[in-house]
Amino acid sequence: LTVKSSFENFSELETLNPEISGNVLEGKVIRFLN
């Protein structure tokens, strides 16, 4: 996933693969890399 837009204390993400459903990712941990 990439950060689509970032604000002061929250951000909106988007998946690289558009076929992945958002509700499948709910509750999962994302780790941001360099």
Full PDB file with SEQRES, HELIX, SHEET, SSBOND, CRYST1, ORIGX, SCALE, CONECT and MASTER records, all heavy atoms in Angstrom:
SEQRES   1 A   34  LEU THR VAL LYS SER SER PHE GLU ASN PHE SER GLU LEU          
SEQRES   2 A   34  GLU THR LEU ASN PRO GLU ILE SER GLY ASN VAL LEU GLU          
SEQRES   3 A   34  GLY LYS VAL ILE ARG PHE LEU ASN                              
HELIX    1 AA1 GLY A   22  LEU A   25  1                                   4    
SHEET    1 AA1 2 THR A   2  SER A   6  0                                        
SHEET    2 AA1 2 SER A  11  GLU A  14 -1                                        
CRYST1    1.000    1.000    1.000  90.00  90.00  90.00 P 1           1          
ORIGX1      1.000000  0.000000  0.000000        0.00000                         
ORIGX2      0.000000  1.000000  0.000000        0.00000                         
ORIGX3      0.000000  0.000000  1.000000        0.00000                         
SCALE1      1.000000  0.000000  0.000000        0.00000                         
SCALE2      0.000000  1.000000  0.000000        0.00000                         
SCALE3      0.000000  0.000000  1.000000        0.00000                         
ATOM      1  N   LEU A   1       0.843  -1.185   0.000  1.00  0.00           N  
ATOM      2  CA  LEU A   1       0.000   0.000   0.000  1.00  0.00           C  
ATOM      3  C   LEU A   1       0.885   1.243   0.000  1.00  0.00           C  
ATOM      4  O   LEU A   1       2.009   1.215   0.504  1.00  0.00           O  
ATOM      5  CB  LEU A   1      -0.930   0.044   1.220  1.00  0.00           C  
ATOM      6  CG  LEU A   1      -2.075  -0.970   1.267  1.00  0.00           C  
ATOM      7  CD1 LEU A   1      -1.606  -2.287   1.854  1.00  0.00           C  
ATOM      8  CD2 LEU A   1      -3.246  -0.434   2.075  1.00  0.00           C  
ATOM      9  N   THR A   2       0.377   2.310  -0.568  1.00  0.00           N  
ATOM     10  CA  THR A   2       1.087   3.584  -0.538  1.00  0.00           C  
ATOM     11  C   THR A   2       0.197   4.633   0.114  1.00  0.00           C  
ATOM     12  O   THR A   2      -1.035   4.506   0.139  1.00  0.00           O  
ATOM     13  CB  THR A   2       1.472   4.045  -1.949  1.00  0.00           C  
ATOM     14  OG1 THR A   2       0.290   4.136  -2.754  1.00  0.00           O  
ATOM     15  CG2 THR A   2       2.440   3.069  -2.594  1.00  0.00           C  
ATOM     16  N   VAL A   3       0.834   5.676   0.642  1.00  0.00           N  
ATOM     17  CA  VAL A   3       0.096   6.768   1.273  1.00  0.00           C  
ATOM     18  C   VAL A   3      -0.434   7.682   0.169  1.00  0.00           C  
ATOM     19  O   VAL A   3       0.337   8.344  -0.527  1.00  0.00           O  
ATOM     20  CB  VAL A   3       0.989   7.555   2.248  1.00  0.00           C  
ATOM     21  CG1 VAL A   3       0.216   8.717   2.856  1.00  0.00           C  
ATOM     22  CG2 VAL A   3       1.507   6.631   3.344  1.00  0.00           C  
ATOM     23  N   LYS A   4      -1.738   7.698   0.022  1.00  0.00           N  
ATOM     24  CA  LYS A   4      -2.382   8.534  -0.997  1.00  0.00           C  
ATOM     25  C   LYS A   4      -2.372   9.999  -0.587  1.00  0.00           C  
ATOM     26  O   LYS A   4      -2.093  10.889  -1.393  1.00  0.00           O  
ATOM     27  CB  LYS A   4      -3.818   8.050  -1.217  1.00  0.00           C  
ATOM     28  CG  LYS A   4      -4.575   8.788  -2.309  1.00  0.00           C  
ATOM     29  CD  LYS A   4      -5.972   8.205  -2.468  1.00  0.00           C  
ATOM     30  CE  LYS A   4      -6.748   8.932  -3.566  1.00  0.00           C  
ATOM     31  NZ  LYS A   4      -8.122   8.367  -3.694  1.00  0.00           N  
ATOM     32  N   SER A   5      -2.693  10.257   0.656  1.00  0.00           N  
ATOM     33  CA  SER A   5      -2.651  11.620   1.198  1.00  0.00           C  
ATOM     34  C   SER A   5      -2.410  11.533   2.699  1.00  0.00           C  
ATOM     35  O   SER A   5      -2.910  10.630   3.362  1.00  0.00           O  
ATOM     36  CB  SER A   5      -3.946  12.383   0.906  1.00  0.00           C  
ATOM     37  OG  SER A   5      -5.078  11.656   1.343  1.00  0.00           O  
ATOM     38  N   SER A   6      -1.645  12.487   3.215  1.00  0.00           N  
ATOM     39  CA  SER A   6      -1.270  12.471   4.620  1.00  0.00           C  
ATOM     40  C   SER A   6      -1.624  13.799   5.267  1.00  0.00           C  
ATOM     41  O   SER A   6      -1.354  14.871   4.712  1.00  0.00           O  
ATOM     42  CB  SER A   6       0.235  12.195   4.758  1.00  0.00           C  
ATOM     43  OG  SER A   6       0.592  11.996   6.098  1.00  0.00           O  
ATOM     44  N   PHE A   7      -2.244  13.710   6.454  1.00  0.00           N  
ATOM     45  CA  PHE A   7      -2.629  14.893   7.211  1.00  0.00           C  
ATOM     46  C   PHE A   7      -1.898  14.876   8.551  1.00  0.00           C  
ATOM     47  O   PHE A   7      -1.019  14.052   8.771  1.00  0.00           O  
ATOM     48  CB  PHE A   7      -4.147  14.924   7.385  1.00  0.00           C  
ATOM     49  CG  PHE A   7      -4.879  14.866   6.071  1.00  0.00           C  
ATOM     50  CD1 PHE A   7      -5.276  13.639   5.537  1.00  0.00           C  
ATOM     51  CD2 PHE A   7      -5.143  16.019   5.344  1.00  0.00           C  
ATOM     52  CE1 PHE A   7      -5.930  13.568   4.318  1.00  0.00           C  
ATOM     53  CE2 PHE A   7      -5.795  15.956   4.124  1.00  0.00           C  
ATOM     54  CZ  PHE A   7      -6.191  14.737   3.604  1.00  0.00           C  
ATOM     55  N   GLU A   8      -2.250  15.752   9.446  1.00  0.00           N  
ATOM     56  CA  GLU A   8      -1.472  15.909  10.673  1.00  0.00           C  
ATOM     57  C   GLU A   8      -1.379  14.623  11.485  1.00  0.00           C  
ATOM     58  O   GLU A   8      -0.297  14.209  11.878  1.00  0.00           O  
ATOM     59  CB  GLU A   8      -2.063  17.023  11.536  1.00  0.00           C  
ATOM     60  CG  GLU A   8      -1.212  17.342  12.760  1.00  0.00           C  
ATOM     61  CD  GLU A   8      -1.741  18.512  13.562  1.00  0.00           C  
ATOM     62  OE1 GLU A   8      -2.837  19.025  13.226  1.00  0.00           O  
ATOM     63  OE2 GLU A   8      -1.076  18.914  14.531  1.00  0.00           O  
ATOM     64  N   ASN A   9      -2.525  13.960  11.715  1.00  0.00           N  
ATOM     65  CA  ASN A   9      -2.518  12.772  12.572  1.00  0.00           C  
ATOM     66  C   ASN A   9      -3.228  11.572  11.952  1.00  0.00           C  
ATOM     67  O   ASN A   9      -3.559  10.624  12.656  1.00  0.00           O  
ATOM     68  CB  ASN A   9      -3.135  13.098  13.932  1.00  0.00           C  
ATOM     69  CG  ASN A   9      -2.204  13.929  14.803  1.00  0.00           C  
ATOM     70  OD1 ASN A   9      -1.057  13.568  15.034  1.00  0.00           O  
ATOM     71  ND2 ASN A   9      -2.693  15.072  15.267  1.00  0.00           N  
ATOM     72  N   PHE A  10      -3.479  11.601  10.658  1.00  0.00           N  
ATOM     73  CA  PHE A  10      -4.009  10.421   9.978  1.00  0.00           C  
ATOM     74  C   PHE A  10      -3.650  10.500   8.500  1.00  0.00           C  
ATOM     75  O   PHE A  10      -3.288  11.562   7.980  1.00  0.00           O  
ATOM     76  CB  PHE A  10      -5.529  10.298  10.170  1.00  0.00           C  
ATOM     77  CG  PHE A  10      -6.339  11.255   9.329  1.00  0.00           C  
ATOM     78  CD1 PHE A  10      -6.858  10.860   8.101  1.00  0.00           C  
ATOM     79  CD2 PHE A  10      -6.600  12.543   9.770  1.00  0.00           C  
ATOM     80  CE1 PHE A  10      -7.601  11.728   7.330  1.00  0.00           C  
ATOM     81  CE2 PHE A  10      -7.354  13.428   9.012  1.00  0.00           C  
ATOM     82  CZ  PHE A  10      -7.855  13.020   7.780  1.00  0.00           C  
ATOM     83  N   SER A  11      -3.743   9.339   7.828  1.00  0.00           N  
ATOM     84  CA  SER A  11      -3.410   9.263   6.404  1.00  0.00           C  
ATOM     85  C   SER A  11      -4.374   8.322   5.698  1.00  0.00           C  
ATOM     86  O   SER A  11      -4.918   7.396   6.302  1.00  0.00           O  
ATOM     87  CB  SER A  11      -1.972   8.767   6.204  1.00  0.00           C  
ATOM     88  OG  SER A  11      -1.043   9.634   6.800  1.00  0.00           O  
ATOM     89  N   GLU A  12      -4.576   8.571   4.407  1.00  0.00           N  
ATOM     90  CA  GLU A  12      -5.374   7.686   3.562  1.00  0.00           C  
ATOM     91  C   GLU A  12      -4.432   6.880   2.684  1.00  0.00           C  
ATOM     92  O   GLU A  12      -3.453   7.401   2.144  1.00  0.00           O  
ATOM     93  CB  GLU A  12      -6.338   8.483   2.688  1.00  0.00           C  
ATOM     94  CG  GLU A  12      -7.240   7.586   1.834  1.00  0.00           C  
ATOM     95  CD  GLU A  12      -8.196   8.365   0.944  1.00  0.00           C  
ATOM     96  OE1 GLU A  12      -8.302   9.598   1.108  1.00  0.00           O  
ATOM     97  OE2 GLU A  12      -8.829   7.728   0.070  1.00  0.00           O  
ATOM     98  N   LEU A  13      -4.730   5.574   2.558  1.00  0.00           N  
ATOM     99  CA  LEU A  13      -3.872   4.662   1.814  1.00  0.00           C  
ATOM    100  C   LEU A  13      -4.566   4.170   0.556  1.00  0.00           C  
ATOM    101  O   LEU A  13      -5.791   4.234   0.432  1.00  0.00           O  
ATOM    102  CB  LEU A  13      -3.492   3.459   2.685  1.00  0.00           C  
ATOM    103  CG  LEU A  13      -2.974   3.740   4.095  1.00  0.00           C  
ATOM    104  CD1 LEU A  13      -2.765   2.426   4.835  1.00  0.00           C  
ATOM    105  CD2 LEU A  13      -1.692   4.545   4.050  1.00  0.00           C  
ATOM    106  N   GLU A  14      -3.764   3.643  -0.359  1.00  0.00           N  
ATOM    107  CA  GLU A  14      -4.308   2.954  -1.525  1.00  0.00           C  
ATOM    108  C   GLU A  14      -3.439   1.745  -1.822  1.00  0.00           C  
ATOM    109  O   GLU A  14      -2.234   1.746  -1.561  1.00  0.00           O  
ATOM    110  CB  GLU A  14      -4.383   3.885  -2.737  1.00  0.00           C  
ATOM    111  CG  GLU A  14      -3.058   4.457  -3.194  1.00  0.00           C  
ATOM    112  CD  GLU A  14      -3.226   5.421  -4.352  1.00  0.00           C  
ATOM    113  OE1 GLU A  14      -4.359   5.542  -4.860  1.00  0.00           O  
ATOM    114  OE2 GLU A  14      -2.230   6.051  -4.756  1.00  0.00           O  
ATOM    115  N   THR A  15      -4.058   0.699  -2.360  1.00  0.00           N  
ATOM    116  CA  THR A  15      -3.339  -0.544  -2.636  1.00  0.00           C  
ATOM    117  C   THR A  15      -2.637  -0.464  -3.984  1.00  0.00           C  
ATOM    118  O   THR A  15      -3.109   0.206  -4.907  1.00  0.00           O  
ATOM    119  CB  THR A  15      -4.299  -1.748  -2.646  1.00  0.00           C  
ATOM    120  OG1 THR A  15      -5.324  -1.533  -3.636  1.00  0.00           O  
ATOM    121  CG2 THR A  15      -4.956  -1.928  -1.278  1.00  0.00           C  
ATOM    122  N   LEU A  16      -1.507  -1.144  -4.085  1.00  0.00           N  
ATOM    123  CA  LEU A  16      -0.828  -1.242  -5.377  1.00  0.00           C  
ATOM    124  C   LEU A  16      -1.664  -2.072  -6.336  1.00  0.00           C  
ATOM    125  O   LEU A  16      -1.833  -1.717  -7.492  1.00  0.00           O  
ATOM    126  CB  LEU A  16       0.556  -1.875  -5.186  1.00  0.00           C  
ATOM    127  CG  LEU A  16       1.332  -2.212  -6.463  1.00  0.00           C  
ATOM    128  CD1 LEU A  16       1.657  -0.940  -7.237  1.00  0.00           C  
ATOM    129  CD2 LEU A  16       2.611  -2.964  -6.128  1.00  0.00           C  
ATOM    130  N   ASN A  17      -2.195  -3.167  -5.834  1.00  0.00           N  
ATOM    131  CA  ASN A  17      -3.034  -4.048  -6.637  1.00  0.00           C  
ATOM    132  C   ASN A  17      -4.494  -3.650  -6.448  1.00  0.00           C  
ATOM    133  O   ASN A  17      -5.064  -3.852  -5.374  1.00  0.00           O  
ATOM    134  CB  ASN A  17      -2.814  -5.501  -6.208  1.00  0.00           C  
ATOM    135  CG  ASN A  17      -3.544  -6.486  -7.106  1.00  0.00           C  
ATOM    136  OD1 ASN A  17      -4.392  -6.106  -7.909  1.00  0.00           O  
ATOM    137  ND2 ASN A  17      -3.211  -7.759  -6.966  1.00  0.00           N  
ATOM    138  N   PRO A  18      -5.148  -3.086  -7.474  1.00  0.00           N  
ATOM    139  CA  PRO A  18      -6.527  -2.615  -7.316  1.00  0.00           C  
ATOM    140  C   PRO A  18      -7.543  -3.719  -7.083  1.00  0.00           C  
ATOM    141  O   PRO A  18      -8.681  -3.446  -6.711  1.00  0.00           O  
ATOM    142  CB  PRO A  18      -6.790  -1.886  -8.646  1.00  0.00           C  
ATOM    143  CG  PRO A  18      -5.824  -2.480  -9.612  1.00  0.00           C  
ATOM    144  CD  PRO A  18      -4.620  -2.859  -8.822  1.00  0.00           C  
ATOM    145  N   GLU A  19      -7.141  -4.975  -7.291  1.00  0.00           N  
ATOM    146  CA  GLU A  19      -8.075  -6.082  -7.101  1.00  0.00           C  
ATOM    147  C   GLU A  19      -8.261  -6.450  -5.626  1.00  0.00           C  
ATOM    148  O   GLU A  19      -9.164  -7.199  -5.283  1.00  0.00           O  
ATOM    149  CB  GLU A  19      -7.585  -7.303  -7.885  1.00  0.00           C  
ATOM    150  CG  GLU A  19      -7.570  -7.088  -9.398  1.00  0.00           C  
ATOM    151  CD  GLU A  19      -7.102  -8.319 -10.140  1.00  0.00           C  
ATOM    152  OE1 GLU A  19      -6.871  -9.360  -9.467  1.00  0.00           O  
ATOM    153  OE2 GLU A  19      -6.959  -8.261 -11.371  1.00  0.00           O  
ATOM    154  N   ILE A  20      -7.403  -5.918  -4.751  1.00  0.00           N  
ATOM    155  CA  ILE A  20      -7.519  -6.224  -3.322  1.00  0.00           C  
ATOM    156  C   ILE A  20      -8.635  -5.386  -2.709  1.00  0.00           C  
ATOM    157  O   ILE A  20      -8.647  -4.161  -2.829  1.00  0.00           O  
ATOM    158  CB  ILE A  20      -6.196  -5.949  -2.595  1.00  0.00           C  
ATOM    159  CG1 ILE A  20      -5.091  -6.858  -3.149  1.00  0.00           C  
ATOM    160  CG2 ILE A  20      -6.339  -6.169  -1.094  1.00  0.00           C  
ATOM    161  CD1 ILE A  20      -3.728  -6.582  -2.556  1.00  0.00           C  
ATOM    162  N   SER A  21      -9.552  -6.050  -2.045  1.00  0.00           N  
ATOM    163  CA  SER A  21     -10.683  -5.357  -1.419  1.00  0.00           C  
ATOM    164  C   SER A  21     -10.256  -4.710  -0.107  1.00  0.00           C  
ATOM    165  O   SER A  21      -9.506  -5.300   0.676  1.00  0.00           O  
ATOM    166  CB  SER A  21     -11.821  -6.351  -1.174  1.00  0.00           C  
ATOM    167  OG  SER A  21     -12.876  -5.734  -0.474  1.00  0.00           O  
ATOM    168  N   GLY A  22     -10.748  -3.495   0.137  1.00  0.00           N  
ATOM    169  CA  GLY A  22     -10.376  -2.757   1.340  1.00  0.00           C  
ATOM    170  C   GLY A  22     -10.803  -3.437   2.625  1.00  0.00           C  
ATOM    171  O   GLY A  22     -10.071  -3.414   3.618  1.00  0.00           O  
ATOM    172  N   ASN A  23     -11.999  -4.052   2.630  1.00  0.00           N  
ATOM    173  CA  ASN A  23     -12.471  -4.666   3.875  1.00  0.00           C  
ATOM    174  C   ASN A  23     -11.631  -5.876   4.282  1.00  0.00           C  
ATOM    175  O   ASN A  23     -11.635  -6.285   5.437  1.00  0.00           O  
ATOM    176  CB  ASN A  23     -13.956  -5.054   3.755  1.00  0.00           C  
ATOM    177  CG  ASN A  23     -14.213  -5.965   2.573  1.00  0.00           C  
ATOM    178  OD1 ASN A  23     -13.281  -6.408   1.906  1.00  0.00           O  
ATOM    179  ND2 ASN A  23     -15.474  -6.227   2.291  1.00  0.00           N  
ATOM    180  N   VAL A  24     -10.893  -6.454   3.330  1.00  0.00           N  
ATOM    181  CA  VAL A  24     -10.000  -7.569   3.654  1.00  0.00           C  
ATOM    182  C   VAL A  24      -8.812  -7.082   4.493  1.00  0.00           C  
ATOM    183  O   VAL A  24      -8.258  -7.821   5.313  1.00  0.00           O  
ATOM    184  CB  VAL A  24      -9.483  -8.238   2.352  1.00  0.00           C  
ATOM    185  CG1 VAL A  24      -8.429  -9.289   2.665  1.00  0.00           C  
ATOM    186  CG2 VAL A  24     -10.633  -8.865   1.590  1.00  0.00           C  
ATOM    187  N   LEU A  25      -8.451  -5.812   4.309  1.00  0.00           N  
ATOM    188  CA  LEU A  25      -7.286  -5.257   5.000  1.00  0.00           C  
ATOM    189  C   LEU A  25      -7.617  -4.647   6.356  1.00  0.00           C  
ATOM    190  O   LEU A  25      -6.709  -4.336   7.127  1.00  0.00           O  
ATOM    191  CB  LEU A  25      -6.617  -4.198   4.117  1.00  0.00           C  
ATOM    192  CG  LEU A  25      -6.067  -4.694   2.775  1.00  0.00           C  
ATOM    193  CD1 LEU A  25      -5.607  -3.516   1.934  1.00  0.00           C  
ATOM    194  CD2 LEU A  25      -4.927  -5.672   2.985  1.00  0.00           C  
ATOM    195  N   GLU A  26      -8.906  -4.483   6.650  1.00  0.00           N  
ATOM    196  CA  GLU A  26      -9.295  -3.842   7.913  1.00  0.00           C  
ATOM    197  C   GLU A  26      -8.744  -4.609   9.110  1.00  0.00           C  
ATOM    198  O   GLU A  26      -8.831  -5.832   9.202  1.00  0.00           O  
ATOM    199  CB  GLU A  26     -10.813  -3.763   8.021  1.00  0.00           C  
ATOM    200  CG  GLU A  26     -11.285  -3.391   9.405  1.00  0.00           C  
ATOM    201  CD  GLU A  26     -12.349  -2.299   9.397  1.00  0.00           C  
ATOM    202  OE1 GLU A  26     -13.141  -2.256   8.471  1.00  0.00           O  
ATOM    203  OE2 GLU A  26     -12.362  -1.515  10.340  1.00  0.00           O  
ATOM    204  N   GLY A  27      -8.138  -3.881  10.032  1.00  0.00           N  
ATOM    205  CA  GLY A  27      -7.615  -4.477  11.257  1.00  0.00           C  
ATOM    206  C   GLY A  27      -6.221  -5.050  11.132  1.00  0.00           C  
ATOM    207  O   GLY A  27      -5.614  -5.420  12.141  1.00  0.00           O  
ATOM    208  N   LYS A  28      -5.702  -5.121   9.906  1.00  0.00           N  
ATOM    209  CA  LYS A  28      -4.354  -5.643   9.726  1.00  0.00           C  
ATOM    210  C   LYS A  28      -3.327  -4.538   9.986  1.00  0.00           C  
ATOM    211  O   LYS A  28      -3.608  -3.359   9.850  1.00  0.00           O  
ATOM    212  CB  LYS A  28      -4.178  -6.211   8.318  1.00  0.00           C  
ATOM    213  CG  LYS A  28      -4.986  -7.485   8.080  1.00  0.00           C  
ATOM    214  CD  LYS A  28      -4.635  -8.125   6.767  1.00  0.00           C  
ATOM    215  CE  LYS A  28      -5.392  -9.443   6.574  1.00  0.00           C  
ATOM    216  NZ  LYS A  28      -5.041 -10.093   5.301  1.00  0.00           N  
ATOM    217  N   VAL A  29      -2.137  -4.960  10.353  1.00  0.00           N  
ATOM    218  CA  VAL A  29      -1.067  -4.011  10.671  1.00  0.00           C  
ATOM    219  C   VAL A  29      -0.261  -3.715   9.417  1.00  0.00           C  
ATOM    220  O   VAL A  29       0.171  -4.630   8.713  1.00  0.00           O  
ATOM    221  CB  VAL A  29      -0.143  -4.568  11.772  1.00  0.00           C  
ATOM    222  CG1 VAL A  29       1.047  -3.631  11.997  1.00  0.00           C  
ATOM    223  CG2 VAL A  29      -0.920  -4.757  13.070  1.00  0.00           C  
ATOM    224  N   ILE A  30      -0.064  -2.442   9.150  1.00  0.00           N  
ATOM    225  CA  ILE A  30       0.791  -2.026   8.044  1.00  0.00           C  
ATOM    226  C   ILE A  30       2.094  -1.485   8.613  1.00  0.00           C  
ATOM    227  O   ILE A  30       2.099  -0.729   9.575  1.00  0.00           O  
ATOM    228  CB  ILE A  30       0.108  -0.971   7.146  1.00  0.00           C  
ATOM    229  CG1 ILE A  30       1.065  -0.566   6.000  1.00  0.00           C  
ATOM    230  CG2 ILE A  30      -0.353   0.249   7.933  1.00  0.00           C  
ATOM    231  CD1 ILE A  30       0.403   0.247   4.912  1.00  0.00           C  
ATOM    232  N   ARG A  31       3.189  -1.914   8.035  1.00  0.00           N  
ATOM    233  CA  ARG A  31       4.517  -1.436   8.446  1.00  0.00           C  
ATOM    234  C   ARG A  31       5.099  -0.631   7.287  1.00  0.00           C  
ATOM    235  O   ARG A  31       5.240  -1.127   6.173  1.00  0.00           O  
ATOM    236  CB  ARG A  31       5.442  -2.598   8.790  1.00  0.00           C  
ATOM    237  CG  ARG A  31       6.872  -2.154   9.076  1.00  0.00           C  
ATOM    238  CD  ARG A  31       7.740  -3.292   9.561  1.00  0.00           C  
ATOM    239  NE  ARG A  31       7.351  -3.715  10.891  1.00  0.00           N  
ATOM    240  CZ  ARG A  31       8.048  -4.600  11.619  1.00  0.00           C  
ATOM    241  NH1 ARG A  31       9.152  -5.137  11.116  1.00  0.00           N  
ATOM    242  NH2 ARG A  31       7.643  -4.941  12.821  1.00  0.00           N  
ATOM    243  N   PHE A  32       5.428   0.615   7.580  1.00  0.00           N  
ATOM    244  CA  PHE A  32       5.955   1.504   6.548  1.00  0.00           C  
ATOM    245  C   PHE A  32       7.471   1.380   6.482  1.00  0.00           C  
ATOM    246  O   PHE A  32       8.158   1.338   7.498  1.00  0.00           O  
ATOM    247  CB  PHE A  32       5.551   2.953   6.834  1.00  0.00           C  
ATOM    248  CG  PHE A  32       4.069   3.166   6.729  1.00  0.00           C  
ATOM    249  CD1 PHE A  32       3.268   3.131   7.859  1.00  0.00           C  
ATOM    250  CD2 PHE A  32       3.473   3.364   5.492  1.00  0.00           C  
ATOM    251  CE1 PHE A  32       1.896   3.310   7.763  1.00  0.00           C  
ATOM    252  CE2 PHE A  32       2.102   3.545   5.386  1.00  0.00           C  
ATOM    253  CZ  PHE A  32       1.313   3.516   6.530  1.00  0.00           C  
ATOM    254  N   LEU A  33       7.962   1.311   5.248  1.00  0.00           N  
ATOM    255  CA  LEU A  33       9.378   1.087   5.007  1.00  0.00           C  
ATOM    256  C   LEU A  33      10.009   2.321   4.391  1.00  0.00           C  
ATOM    257  O   LEU A  33       9.334   3.278   4.035  1.00  0.00           O  
ATOM    258  CB  LEU A  33       9.572  -0.118   4.075  1.00  0.00           C  
ATOM    259  CG  LEU A  33       8.920  -1.418   4.531  1.00  0.00           C  
ATOM    260  CD1 LEU A  33       9.117  -2.493   3.490  1.00  0.00           C  
ATOM    261  CD2 LEU A  33       9.489  -1.870   5.862  1.00  0.00           C  
ATOM    262  N   ASN A  34      11.347   2.252   4.230  1.00  0.00           N  
ATOM    263  CA  ASN A  34      12.070   3.367   3.631  1.00  0.00           C  
ATOM    264  C   ASN A  34      11.673   3.527   2.173  1.00  0.00           C  
ATOM    265  O   ASN A  34      11.451   2.563   1.485  1.00  0.00           O  
ATOM    266  CB  ASN A  34      13.581   3.126   3.710  1.00  0.00           C  
ATOM    267  CG  ASN A  34      14.051   3.089   5.154  1.00  0.00           C  
ATOM    268  OD1 ASN A  34      13.377   3.566   6.046  1.00  0.00           O  
ATOM    269  ND2 ASN A  34      15.219   2.523   5.373  1.00  0.00           N  
TER     270      ASN A  34                                                      
MASTER        0    0    0    1    2    0    0    6  269    1    0    3          
END                                                                             
